[in-house]
């Protein structure tokens, strides 16, 4: 890249389990020329886990 940053993790959606819910992020990670990792993300909200959805039925 022109600025010297390297894309370490390309754009992705990640969901993290927190008890009976999942919290989502859309994110990507760069390595800057000095070696620092920079994570950029936006919140996708929360959703029930698949286990809690099936237990409701």
PDB file of N, CA and C in Angstrom:
ATOM      1  N   UNK A   1       0.837  -1.185   0.000  1.00  0.00           N
ATOM      2  CA  UNK A   1       0.000   0.000   0.000  1.00  0.00           C
ATOM      3  C   UNK A   1       0.878   1.245   0.000  1.00  0.00           C
ATOM      4  N   UNK A   2       0.380   2.305  -0.496  1.00  0.00           N
ATOM      5  CA  UNK A   2       1.146   3.539  -0.624  1.00  0.00           C
ATOM      6  C   UNK A   2       1.605   4.073   0.732  1.00  0.00           C
ATOM      7  N   UNK A   3       0.753   4.001   1.743  1.00  0.00           N
ATOM      8  CA  UNK A   3       1.096   4.533   3.065  1.00  0.00           C
ATOM      9  C   UNK A   3       1.985   3.581   3.863  1.00  0.00           C
ATOM     10  N   UNK A   4       2.197   2.368   3.376  1.00  0.00           N
ATOM     11  CA  UNK A   4       3.041   1.418   4.071  1.00  0.00           C
ATOM     12  C   UNK A   4       2.294   0.508   5.023  1.00  0.00           C
ATOM     13  N   UNK A   5       0.987   0.639   5.125  1.00  0.00           N
ATOM     14  CA  UNK A   5       0.192  -0.246   5.980  1.00  0.00           C
ATOM     15  C   UNK A   5      -0.109  -1.536   5.224  1.00  0.00           C
ATOM     16  N   UNK A   6      -0.237  -2.632   5.969  1.00  0.00           N
ATOM     17  CA  UNK A   6      -0.540  -3.941   5.393  1.00  0.00           C
ATOM     18  C   UNK A   6      -1.850  -4.429   5.996  1.00  0.00           C
ATOM     19  N   UNK A   7      -2.743  -4.927   5.163  1.00  0.00           N
ATOM     20  CA  UNK A   7      -3.994  -5.504   5.666  1.00  0.00           C
ATOM     21  C   UNK A   7      -3.680  -6.892   6.227  1.00  0.00           C
ATOM     22  N   UNK A   8      -3.838  -7.055   7.525  1.00  0.00           N
ATOM     23  CA  UNK A   8      -3.573  -8.328   8.187  1.00  0.00           C
ATOM     24  C   UNK A   8      -4.811  -9.218   8.141  1.00  0.00           C
ATOM     25  N   UNK A   9      -5.974  -8.641   8.460  1.00  0.00           N
ATOM     26  CA  UNK A   9      -7.257  -9.361   8.401  1.00  0.00           C
ATOM     27  C   UNK A   9      -8.187  -8.534   7.541  1.00  0.00           C
ATOM     28  N   UNK A  10      -8.610  -9.049   6.370  1.00  0.00           N
ATOM     29  CA  UNK A  10      -9.531  -8.295   5.518  1.00  0.00           C
ATOM     30  C   UNK A  10     -10.904  -8.148   6.181  1.00  0.00           C
ATOM     31  N   UNK A  11     -11.749  -7.319   5.609  1.00  0.00           N
ATOM     32  CA  UNK A  11     -13.085  -7.061   6.158  1.00  0.00           C
ATOM     33  C   UNK A  11     -13.806  -8.381   6.437  1.00  0.00           C
ATOM     34  N   UNK A  12     -14.369  -8.484   7.638  1.00  0.00           N
ATOM     35  CA  UNK A  12     -15.098  -9.687   8.044  1.00  0.00           C
ATOM     36  C   UNK A  12     -16.170  -9.327   9.055  1.00  0.00           C
ATOM     37  N   UNK A  13     -17.129 -10.218   9.212  1.00  0.00           N
ATOM     38  CA  UNK A  13     -18.112 -10.125  10.301  1.00  0.00           C
ATOM     39  C   UNK A  13     -17.738 -11.156  11.337  1.00  0.00           C
ATOM     40  N   UNK A  14     -17.761 -10.743  12.614  1.00  0.00           N
ATOM     41  CA  UNK A  14     -17.451 -11.646  13.719  1.00  0.00           C
ATOM     42  C   UNK A  14     -18.539 -11.523  14.763  1.00  0.00           C
ATOM     43  N   UNK A  15     -18.946 -12.654  15.299  1.00  0.00           N
ATOM     44  CA  UNK A  15     -19.941 -12.689  16.365  1.00  0.00           C
ATOM     45  C   UNK A  15     -19.314 -13.355  17.573  1.00  0.00           C
ATOM     46  N   UNK A  16     -19.456 -12.707  18.737  1.00  0.00           N
ATOM     47  CA  UNK A  16     -18.857 -13.157  19.985  1.00  0.00           C
ATOM     48  C   UNK A  16     -19.959 -13.511  20.968  1.00  0.00           C
ATOM     49  N   UNK A  17     -19.915 -14.721  21.493  1.00  0.00           N
ATOM     50  CA  UNK A  17     -20.940 -15.170  22.426  1.00  0.00           C
ATOM     51  C   UNK A  17     -20.752 -14.502  23.775  1.00  0.00           C
ATOM     52  N   UNK A  18     -21.876 -14.011  24.323  1.00  0.00           N
ATOM     53  CA  UNK A  18     -21.899 -13.416  25.657  1.00  0.00           C
ATOM     54  C   UNK A  18     -23.153 -13.928  26.351  1.00  0.00           C
ATOM     55  N   UNK A  19     -22.972 -14.990  27.155  1.00  0.00           N
ATOM     56  CA  UNK A  19     -24.077 -15.690  27.820  1.00  0.00           C
ATOM     57  C   UNK A  19     -25.041 -16.239  26.777  1.00  0.00           C
ATOM     58  N   UNK A  20     -26.314 -15.798  26.744  1.00  0.00           N
ATOM     59  CA  UNK A  20     -27.277 -16.346  25.792  1.00  0.00           C
ATOM     60  C   UNK A  20     -27.474 -15.452  24.567  1.00  0.00           C
ATOM     61  N   UNK A  21     -26.533 -14.532  24.329  1.00  0.00           N
ATOM     62  CA  UNK A  21     -26.586 -13.645  23.168  1.00  0.00           C
ATOM     63  C   UNK A  21     -25.239 -13.642  22.453  1.00  0.00           C
ATOM     64  N   UNK A  22     -25.245 -13.088  21.259  1.00  0.00           N
ATOM     65  CA  UNK A  22     -24.011 -12.841  20.531  1.00  0.00           C
ATOM     66  C   UNK A  22     -23.939 -11.362  20.183  1.00  0.00           C
ATOM     67  N   UNK A  23     -22.737 -10.788  20.275  1.00  0.00           N
ATOM     68  CA  UNK A  23     -22.485  -9.397  19.881  1.00  0.00           C
ATOM     69  C   UNK A  23     -21.676  -9.433  18.597  1.00  0.00           C
ATOM     70  N   UNK A  24     -22.092  -8.637  17.611  1.00  0.00           N
ATOM     71  CA  UNK A  24     -21.447  -8.688  16.307  1.00  0.00           C
ATOM     72  C   UNK A  24     -20.651  -7.443  15.971  1.00  0.00           C
ATOM     73  N   UNK A  25     -19.585  -7.645  15.201  1.00  0.00           N
ATOM     74  CA  UNK A  25     -18.747  -6.563  14.686  1.00  0.00           C
ATOM     75  C   UNK A  25     -18.425  -6.823  13.221  1.00  0.00           C
ATOM     76  N   UNK A  26     -18.370  -5.782  12.433  1.00  0.00           N
ATOM     77  CA  UNK A  26     -17.761  -5.832  11.094  1.00  0.00           C
ATOM     78  C   UNK A  26     -16.414  -5.157  11.274  1.00  0.00           C
ATOM     79  N   UNK A  27     -15.336  -5.837  10.867  1.00  0.00           N
ATOM     80  CA  UNK A  27     -14.013  -5.348  11.237  1.00  0.00           C
ATOM     81  C   UNK A  27     -12.954  -5.692  10.198  1.00  0.00           C
ATOM     82  N   UNK A  28     -11.825  -4.972  10.280  1.00  0.00           N
ATOM     83  CA  UNK A  28     -10.608  -5.341   9.573  1.00  0.00           C
ATOM     84  C   UNK A  28      -9.425  -4.855  10.399  1.00  0.00           C
ATOM     85  N   UNK A  29      -8.263  -5.463  10.164  1.00  0.00           N
ATOM     86  CA  UNK A  29      -7.070  -5.157  10.950  1.00  0.00           C
ATOM     87  C   UNK A  29      -5.921  -4.810  10.002  1.00  0.00           C
ATOM     88  N   UNK A  30      -5.218  -3.719  10.315  1.00  0.00           N
ATOM     89  CA  UNK A  30      -4.036  -3.277   9.576  1.00  0.00           C
ATOM     90  C   UNK A  30      -2.807  -3.349  10.465  1.00  0.00           C
ATOM     91  N   UNK A  31      -1.645  -3.482   9.839  1.00  0.00           N
ATOM     92  CA  UNK A  31      -0.362  -3.316  10.523  1.00  0.00           C
ATOM     93  C   UNK A  31       0.254  -2.054   9.941  1.00  0.00           C
ATOM     94  N   UNK A  32       0.527  -1.060  10.801  1.00  0.00           N
ATOM     95  CA  UNK A  32       1.106   0.193  10.296  1.00  0.00           C
ATOM     96  C   UNK A  32       2.624   0.037  10.104  1.00  0.00           C
ATOM     97  N   UNK A  33       3.277   1.004   9.476  1.00  0.00           N
ATOM     98  CA  UNK A  33       4.716   0.887   9.203  1.00  0.00           C
ATOM     99  C   UNK A  33       5.579   0.695  10.449  1.00  0.00           C
ATOM    100  N   UNK A  34       5.090   1.104  11.619  1.00  0.00           N
ATOM    101  CA  UNK A  34       5.846   0.929  12.865  1.00  0.00           C
ATOM    102  C   UNK A  34       5.553  -0.403  13.549  1.00  0.00           C
ATOM    103  N   UNK A  35       4.660  -1.223  12.959  1.00  0.00           N
ATOM    104  CA  UNK A  35       4.354  -2.532  13.527  1.00  0.00           C
ATOM    105  C   UNK A  35       3.144  -2.563  14.442  1.00  0.00           C
ATOM    106  N   UNK A  36       2.463  -1.437  14.617  1.00  0.00           N
ATOM    107  CA  UNK A  36       1.270  -1.408  15.461  1.00  0.00           C
ATOM    108  C   UNK A  36       0.082  -2.024  14.722  1.00  0.00           C
ATOM    109  N   UNK A  37      -0.716  -2.800  15.452  1.00  0.00           N
ATOM    110  CA  UNK A  37      -1.947  -3.358  14.892  1.00  0.00           C
ATOM    111  C   UNK A  37      -3.077  -2.362  15.110  1.00  0.00           C
ATOM    112  N   UNK A  38      -3.836  -2.093  14.064  1.00  0.00           N
ATOM    113  CA  UNK A  38      -4.972  -1.170  14.138  1.00  0.00           C
ATOM    114  C   UNK A  38      -6.214  -1.935  13.731  1.00  0.00           C
ATOM    115  N   UNK A  39      -7.175  -2.010  14.639  1.00  0.00           N
ATOM    116  CA  UNK A  39      -8.424  -2.720  14.378  1.00  0.00           C
ATOM    117  C   UNK A  39      -9.536  -1.693  14.240  1.00  0.00           C
ATOM    118  N   UNK A  40     -10.189  -1.693  13.094  1.00  0.00           N
ATOM    119  CA  UNK A  40     -11.320  -0.806  12.846  1.00  0.00           C
ATOM    120  C   UNK A  40     -12.579  -1.664  12.815  1.00  0.00           C
ATOM    121  N   UNK A  41     -13.620  -1.209  13.512  1.00  0.00           N
ATOM    122  CA  UNK A  41     -14.834  -2.018  13.555  1.00  0.00           C
ATOM    123  C   UNK A  41     -16.062  -1.148  13.711  1.00  0.00           C
ATOM    124  N   UNK A  42     -17.197  -1.737  13.362  1.00  0.00           N
ATOM    125  CA  UNK A  42     -18.490  -1.122  13.626  1.00  0.00           C
ATOM    126  C   UNK A  42     -19.384  -2.179  14.261  1.00  0.00           C
ATOM    127  N   UNK A  43     -20.218  -1.740  15.158  1.00  0.00           N
ATOM    128  CA  UNK A  43     -21.099  -2.622  15.908  1.00  0.00           C
ATOM    129  C   UNK A  43     -22.247  -3.095  15.015  1.00  0.00           C
ATOM    130  N   UNK A  44     -22.497  -4.399  14.995  1.00  0.00           N
ATOM    131  CA  UNK A  44     -23.620  -4.971  14.252  1.00  0.00           C
ATOM    132  C   UNK A  44     -24.816  -5.276  15.150  1.00  0.00           C
ATOM    133  N   UNK A  45     -24.677  -5.022  16.429  1.00  0.00           N
ATOM    134  CA  UNK A  45     -25.774  -5.267  17.354  1.00  0.00           C
ATOM    135  C   UNK A  45     -25.659  -6.608  18.048  1.00  0.00           C
ATOM    136  N   UNK A  46     -26.779  -7.037  18.603  1.00  0.00           N
ATOM    137  CA  UNK A  46     -26.831  -8.285  19.362  1.00  0.00           C
ATOM    138  C   UNK A  46     -27.890  -9.183  18.763  1.00  0.00           C
ATOM    139  N   UNK A  47     -27.714 -10.485  18.980  1.00  0.00           N
ATOM    140  CA  UNK A  47     -28.699 -11.464  18.533  1.00  0.00           C
ATOM    141  C   UNK A  47     -28.676 -12.639  19.490  1.00  0.00           C
ATOM    142  N   UNK A  48     -29.779 -13.374  19.572  1.00  0.00           N
ATOM    143  CA  UNK A  48     -29.763 -14.570  20.427  1.00  0.00           C
ATOM    144  C   UNK A  48     -28.853 -15.632  19.808  1.00  0.00           C
ATOM    145  N   UNK A  49     -28.261 -16.465  20.652  1.00  0.00           N
ATOM    146  CA  UNK A  49     -27.463 -17.574  20.126  1.00  0.00           C
ATOM    147  C   UNK A  49     -28.397 -18.593  19.502  1.00  0.00           C
ATOM    148  N   UNK A  50     -27.871 -19.430  18.654  1.00  0.00           N
ATOM    149  CA  UNK A  50     -28.699 -20.456  18.021  1.00  0.00           C
ATOM    150  C   UNK A  50     -29.264 -21.416  19.067  1.00  0.00           C
ATOM    151  N   UNK A  51     -28.529 -21.665  20.154  1.00  0.00           N
ATOM    152  CA  UNK A  51     -29.019 -22.546  21.219  1.00  0.00           C
ATOM    153  C   UNK A  51     -30.240 -21.940  21.912  1.00  0.00           C
ATOM    154  N   UNK A  52     -30.238 -20.622  22.142  1.00  0.00           N
ATOM    155  CA  UNK A  52     -31.380 -20.000  22.814  1.00  0.00           C
ATOM    156  C   UNK A  52     -32.583 -19.898  21.880  1.00  0.00           C
ATOM    157  N   UNK A  53     -32.370 -19.826  20.575  1.00  0.00           N
ATOM    158  CA  UNK A  53     -33.487 -19.804  19.627  1.00  0.00           C
ATOM    159  C   UNK A  53     -34.183 -21.151  19.603  1.00  0.00           C
ATOM    160  N   UNK A  54     -33.412 -22.245  19.581  1.00  0.00           N
ATOM    161  CA  UNK A  54     -34.025 -23.565  19.528  1.00  0.00           C
ATOM    162  C   UNK A  54     -34.717 -23.907  20.840  1.00  0.00           C
ATOM    163  N   UNK A  55     -34.254 -23.378  21.971  1.00  0.00           N
ATOM    164  CA  UNK A  55     -34.895 -23.689  23.247  1.00  0.00           C
ATOM    165  C   UNK A  55     -36.234 -22.969  23.402  1.00  0.00           C
ATOM    166  N   UNK A  56     -36.485 -21.913  22.627  1.00  0.00           N
ATOM    167  CA  UNK A  56     -37.735 -21.189  22.705  1.00  0.00           C
ATOM    168  C   UNK A  56     -38.856 -21.963  22.023  1.00  0.00           C
ATOM    169  N   UNK A  57     -38.518 -22.693  20.976  1.00  0.00           N
ATOM    170  CA  UNK A  57     -39.526 -23.419  20.198  1.00  0.00           C
ATOM    171  C   UNK A  57     -40.117 -24.577  20.926  1.00  0.00           C
TER     172      UNK A  57
END
